Protein backbone atom coordinates (compact mmCIF):
# COMPACT_ATOMS: atom_id res chain seq x y z
CA MET A 1 0.01 -0.13 0.07
CA ASN A 2 1.40 3.47 -0.73
CA ASP A 3 1.10 5.37 2.28
CA ASN A 4 1.98 8.94 1.04
CA ARG A 5 0.72 10.68 4.16
CA ASP A 6 3.02 13.99 3.16
CA ASP A 7 0.13 14.81 0.93
CA ASN A 8 -2.67 14.79 3.69
CA MET A 9 -0.61 16.94 5.76
CA ASP A 10 -1.86 20.51 6.77
CA ALA A 11 0.40 23.65 7.26
CA SER A 12 0.77 22.75 10.92
CA GLU A 13 1.94 19.07 10.04
CA GLU A 14 4.45 20.57 7.36
CA GLU A 15 5.99 22.72 9.87
CA GLY A 16 6.48 20.09 12.26
CA GLY A 17 3.43 20.35 14.67
CA GLN A 18 1.08 17.81 15.80
CA LEU A 19 -2.53 18.08 15.36
CA THR A 20 -4.45 18.51 18.53
CA SER A 21 -8.38 18.95 19.33
CA ASP A 22 -7.43 22.79 19.46
CA THR A 23 -6.33 22.84 15.81
CA PRO A 24 -8.54 24.91 13.96
CA THR A 25 -10.22 22.87 10.82
CA ALA A 26 -9.30 24.36 7.71
CA VAL A 27 -12.35 26.45 6.24
CA PRO A 28 -13.25 25.43 2.40
CA CYS A 29 -13.05 28.53 0.02
CA GLU A 30 -17.38 27.82 -0.39
CA ILE A 31 -17.60 28.34 3.20
CA LYS A 32 -15.42 31.18 3.35
CA ASP A 33 -17.45 33.35 0.73
CA PHE A 34 -20.52 32.04 2.34
CA MET A 35 -19.50 33.40 5.72
CA GLN A 36 -18.55 36.75 3.99
CA ARG A 37 -21.52 37.04 2.51
CA LEU A 38 -23.38 36.79 6.17
CA ALA A 39 -20.82 39.41 7.47
CA SER A 40 -21.53 42.05 4.96
CA ASP A 41 -25.74 41.19 4.82
CA ARG A 42 -27.83 43.66 4.50
CA LEU A 43 -31.59 44.13 5.38
CA ILE A 44 -33.93 44.51 2.20
CA LYS A 45 -36.79 46.73 2.59
CA ILE A 46 -39.97 45.40 0.99
CA ILE A 47 -42.66 48.15 0.13
CA VAL A 48 -46.46 46.87 -0.36
CA GLY A 49 -49.23 48.84 -1.32
CA GLU A 50 -49.18 52.51 -1.65
CA GLY A 51 -51.14 55.47 -0.05
CA SER A 52 -52.87 54.38 3.53
CA GLU A 53 -52.17 50.87 2.39
CA ARG A 54 -48.51 51.07 1.97
CA GLN A 55 -46.92 48.74 4.92
CA GLN A 56 -42.93 47.82 4.59
CA PHE A 57 -41.16 44.60 5.84
CA LEU A 58 -37.21 44.06 6.44
CA VAL A 59 -35.69 40.74 5.27
CA GLN A 60 -32.24 39.60 5.10
CA GLU A 61 -30.90 39.77 1.75
CA THR A 62 -29.27 35.97 1.69
CA VAL A 63 -32.87 34.96 3.22
CA LEU A 64 -34.66 36.36 0.17
CA THR A 65 -32.58 35.73 -2.40
CA ALA A 66 -32.01 32.04 -1.49
CA SER A 67 -35.88 31.75 -1.31
CA SER A 68 -36.55 32.10 -5.23
CA ASP A 69 -34.74 33.42 -8.25
CA TYR A 70 -37.51 35.95 -8.65
CA PHE A 71 -36.16 37.56 -5.58
CA GLN A 72 -32.45 36.84 -6.66
CA LYS A 73 -33.06 38.65 -10.07
CA ALA A 74 -35.17 41.45 -8.57
CA ILE A 75 -32.13 42.43 -6.08
CA GLU A 76 -29.75 42.50 -9.00
CA HIS A 77 -32.40 45.10 -10.79
CA GLU A 78 -33.12 46.99 -7.34
CA ARG A 79 -32.80 50.27 -8.77
CA THR A 80 -35.59 49.72 -11.10
CA MET A 81 -37.72 48.12 -8.57
CA GLY A 82 -37.65 50.79 -5.70
CA ASP A 83 -38.80 53.95 -4.95
CA VAL A 84 -36.96 56.56 -6.60
CA ASN A 85 -34.09 54.29 -7.68
CA GLU A 86 -33.74 53.39 -3.88
CA ILE A 87 -31.03 50.95 -3.28
CA GLY A 88 -32.03 48.05 -1.23
CA VAL A 89 -35.72 48.71 -1.61
CA LEU A 90 -38.15 46.36 -3.44
CA SER A 91 -41.77 48.16 -4.06
CA PHE A 92 -44.85 46.27 -4.92
CA PRO A 93 -47.22 49.10 -5.15
CA GLU A 94 -50.19 47.00 -6.67
CA ASP A 95 -50.28 44.73 -3.81
CA GLY A 96 -52.08 46.58 -1.35
CA HIS A 97 -55.02 44.39 -0.84
CA LEU A 98 -52.50 41.75 -0.58
CA ILE A 99 -50.87 42.87 2.53
CA ALA A 100 -52.03 39.67 4.52
CA ALA A 101 -50.85 37.28 1.89
CA TRP A 102 -47.11 38.90 1.88
CA GLY A 103 -47.21 38.59 5.64
CA LEU A 104 -47.75 35.15 5.47
CA MET A 105 -45.44 34.43 2.54
CA LEU A 106 -43.03 36.08 4.20
CA HIS A 107 -43.01 34.02 7.43
CA TRP A 108 -42.64 31.11 5.20
CA ILE A 109 -39.74 32.33 3.49
CA ILE A 110 -37.74 33.20 7.09
CA HIS A 111 -39.32 30.32 9.20
CA HIS A 112 -40.34 27.50 6.31
CA ARG A 113 -43.69 26.88 7.77
CA LEU A 114 -47.09 28.41 7.72
CA LEU A 115 -48.17 30.94 10.54
CA PRO A 116 -51.19 29.46 12.29
CA ILE A 117 -54.17 32.00 11.51
CA LYS A 118 -56.85 31.99 13.85
CA ARG A 119 -59.88 33.71 11.57
CA THR A 120 -62.82 32.08 10.09
CA ARG A 121 -62.52 29.44 7.76
CA ALA A 122 -64.02 31.20 4.91
CA GLU A 123 -61.33 34.13 5.32
CA ASN A 124 -58.76 31.80 5.69
CA LEU A 125 -59.45 30.01 2.33
CA VAL A 126 -59.35 33.37 0.80
CA LEU A 127 -56.42 34.30 2.31
CA TYR A 128 -54.41 30.83 1.39
CA THR A 129 -55.77 31.26 -2.28
CA GLU A 130 -54.29 34.68 -2.65
CA ALA A 131 -50.94 33.56 -1.18
CA TRP A 132 -50.89 30.53 -3.31
CA VAL A 133 -51.33 33.55 -6.31
CA LEU A 134 -48.76 35.31 -4.60
CA GLY A 135 -46.26 32.40 -4.37
CA ASP A 136 -47.06 31.49 -8.12
CA LYS A 137 -45.85 35.24 -8.99
CA HIS A 138 -42.50 35.30 -7.28
CA LEU A 139 -41.52 31.61 -8.06
CA LEU A 140 -41.73 29.85 -4.90
CA PRO A 141 -43.30 26.47 -5.87
CA LYS A 142 -42.89 24.80 -2.22
CA PHE A 143 -44.73 27.69 -0.61
CA GLN A 144 -47.62 27.00 -2.89
CA ASN A 145 -47.63 23.50 -2.19
CA VAL A 146 -47.66 24.02 1.52
CA VAL A 147 -50.67 26.07 0.78
CA MET A 148 -52.19 23.61 -1.37
CA MET A 149 -51.79 21.09 1.09
CA GLU A 150 -53.42 23.48 3.69
CA LEU A 151 -56.58 23.91 1.69
CA ILE A 152 -56.94 20.44 0.73
CA HIS A 153 -56.91 19.21 4.51
CA TYR A 154 -59.79 22.03 5.07
CA LEU A 155 -61.51 20.61 2.13
CA ASP A 156 -61.45 16.83 3.10
CA ASP A 157 -61.68 17.13 6.88
CA VAL A 158 -64.60 19.41 8.00
CA TYR A 159 -65.02 22.67 5.74
CA HIS A 160 -67.03 23.22 2.64
CA PRO A 161 -67.05 26.78 1.46
CA SER A 162 -69.87 25.85 -1.04
CA HIS A 163 -72.55 26.88 1.15
CA LYS A 164 -71.63 30.44 0.80
CA PRO A 165 -71.71 31.49 -2.89
CA GLU A 166 -69.99 34.84 -2.25
CA VAL A 167 -66.93 32.93 -0.89
CA MET A 168 -66.81 30.30 -3.86
CA ARG A 169 -67.27 33.50 -6.43
CA SER A 170 -64.30 34.95 -4.40
CA LEU A 171 -61.86 32.19 -4.60
CA LEU A 172 -62.86 31.23 -8.53
CA SER A 173 -62.18 35.00 -9.12
CA ILE A 174 -58.81 34.82 -7.92
CA ALA A 175 -57.32 31.66 -9.16
CA PRO A 176 -55.10 32.04 -12.10
CA ALA A 177 -56.38 30.59 -15.35
CA ASN A 178 -55.60 26.75 -15.99
CA SER A 179 -53.77 26.64 -12.32
CA PRO A 180 -54.00 23.72 -9.85
CA ILE A 181 -56.08 26.38 -7.67
CA GLN A 182 -58.45 26.97 -10.37
CA ARG A 183 -58.79 23.37 -10.87
CA LEU A 184 -59.40 22.76 -7.23
CA TRP A 185 -62.09 25.64 -6.80
CA ALA A 186 -63.84 24.81 -10.15
CA GLU A 187 -64.35 21.16 -8.87
CA GLU A 188 -65.81 22.54 -5.32
CA ALA A 189 -68.13 24.86 -7.35
CA VAL A 190 -69.60 22.13 -9.48
CA LEU A 191 -69.81 19.46 -6.61
CA ALA A 192 -71.55 22.35 -4.68
CA ILE A 193 -74.23 22.98 -7.66
CA TYR A 194 -74.56 18.95 -8.39
CA GLY A 195 -73.63 17.24 -5.50
CA ASN A 196 -72.33 13.69 -5.17
CA LEU A 197 -72.70 10.67 -3.17
CA VAL A 198 -71.61 12.10 -0.02
CA ARG A 199 -72.55 15.81 -0.59
CA SER A 200 -75.77 17.67 -1.27
CA PRO A 201 -76.09 20.41 -3.71
CA SER A 202 -76.08 23.72 -1.79
CA MET A 203 -75.46 26.03 -4.73
CA VAL A 204 -77.40 26.59 -8.14
CA PRO A 205 -75.77 27.68 -11.55
CA ASP A 206 -77.03 31.20 -11.37
CA ASP A 207 -74.75 31.75 -8.27
CA LEU A 208 -72.15 31.34 -11.09
CA VAL A 209 -73.14 33.76 -13.64
CA GLY A 210 -70.50 36.45 -14.66
CA LEU A 211 -67.58 34.41 -13.97
CA GLU A 212 -67.71 32.92 -17.59
CA VAL A 213 -65.52 35.75 -18.35
CA VAL A 214 -62.71 34.81 -15.93
CA THR A 215 -59.90 33.23 -18.22
CA GLY A 216 -60.13 29.33 -18.35
CA MET A 217 -62.87 29.42 -16.00
CA ILE A 218 -65.35 27.55 -18.44
CA GLY A 219 -62.51 24.79 -19.50
CA SER A 220 -62.17 24.22 -15.79
CA LEU A 221 -65.76 23.90 -14.92
CA LEU A 222 -66.43 21.67 -17.88
CA ASN A 223 -63.55 19.64 -16.80
CA ALA A 224 -65.02 19.39 -13.09
CA PHE A 225 -68.48 18.47 -14.22
CA GLU A 226 -67.05 15.48 -16.29
CA ALA A 227 -65.30 14.25 -13.35
CA VAL A 228 -68.30 14.55 -11.01
CA LYS A 229 -70.51 12.89 -14.06
CA ASN A 230 -68.18 9.95 -14.22
CA GLY A 231 -68.24 9.47 -10.33
CA LYS A 232 -64.76 10.81 -8.94
CA ASP A 233 -65.18 10.76 -5.31
CA PHE A 234 -62.60 13.72 -4.88
CA TRP A 235 -61.10 12.63 -1.36
CA ARG A 236 -57.96 13.96 -2.22
CA LEU A 237 -55.84 12.87 0.87
CA ASP A 238 -56.79 9.14 0.23
CA THR A 239 -54.02 6.95 -1.06
CA TYR A 240 -53.96 4.51 -4.22
CA PHE A 241 -51.36 2.18 -5.97
CA ASP A 242 -50.23 3.27 -9.11
CA ASP A 243 -49.19 0.44 -11.77
CA HIS A 244 -45.63 0.05 -10.06
CA ASP A 245 -47.46 -0.71 -6.65
CA GLU A 246 -45.94 2.58 -5.69
CA GLU A 247 -48.22 4.27 -2.86
CA ARG A 248 -49.50 8.07 -4.21
CA SER A 249 -51.48 10.51 -2.88
CA LYS A 250 -54.30 11.88 -4.94
CA CYS A 251 -53.45 15.27 -4.02
CA GLU A 252 -50.07 15.08 -5.84
CA GLU A 253 -52.86 16.14 -8.86
CA TYR A 254 -52.96 19.51 -7.26
CA LEU A 255 -49.23 20.41 -6.40
CA VAL A 256 -46.87 22.36 -8.38
CA PRO A 257 -43.64 20.55 -9.73
CA GLN A 258 -40.75 22.26 -7.65
CA SER A 259 -38.24 21.42 -10.06
CA ALA A 260 -40.32 23.96 -12.67
CA ALA A 261 -39.73 27.01 -10.41
CA ASP A 262 -39.49 29.27 -13.36
CA THR A 263 -42.87 28.36 -14.60
CA ASN A 264 -45.84 30.01 -13.21
CA PHE A 265 -49.37 30.83 -13.98
CA THR A 266 -49.86 34.38 -13.23
CA GLY A 267 -48.17 34.91 -16.13
CA ALA A 268 -46.30 37.87 -14.20
CA GLU A 269 -42.92 39.18 -15.87
CA LYS A 270 -39.56 37.84 -14.21
CA LYS A 271 -37.38 40.57 -13.28
């Protein structure tokens, strides 16, 4: 065996010293670069809304840019996204009605979990739907999927919003065209109108009048109607076995591929 220990010696050994428990471990250059970025990290000011609705949040730059390509590119072009070209500021004046959704999204970016919200279930369904759309706009598929699972648990466990047509109309109008969340609410709307083996009708077709102008809505409703007519049960948390005997959850159909972080349904321009 070729025992060439000299190749593995560090500087202290080459100088005749011996490794001890107090000898510092050599820091790889990749870790040095990361530590230097942390040492010089700054807070990015995010301004949401304008006028009386205007609110601002402070988030560490490394945390924000690590969360999605959207924010990484936004920081690179921060002069065009702030107030009067202010450095370190990202401004979203059009999102004044989404303050709560921004708070939910930023909490997830920082803590990697949803913030528990104590409000009525109907209010939470609207908030989570707005948050899903916001995550889509800012290329956060993991966040979208966490939100989607929260919605699916609501719907499969105890709560159905369909007895309140105004709530269903809000949910349908928020969802982007041809997205998983539009599919989810289209299915719930059709179930509310026609019912199935376990759910009685609680809405009428006229409750959806006017929503036909929403992009993608007619197609989503027709697909949902076909699914109901063909006897789909819509228990999305149930599991099944595919052709390869792998257990899978029905809810996977409603999740965003996390490898496709640059694909979104809102059609928002990437910075």
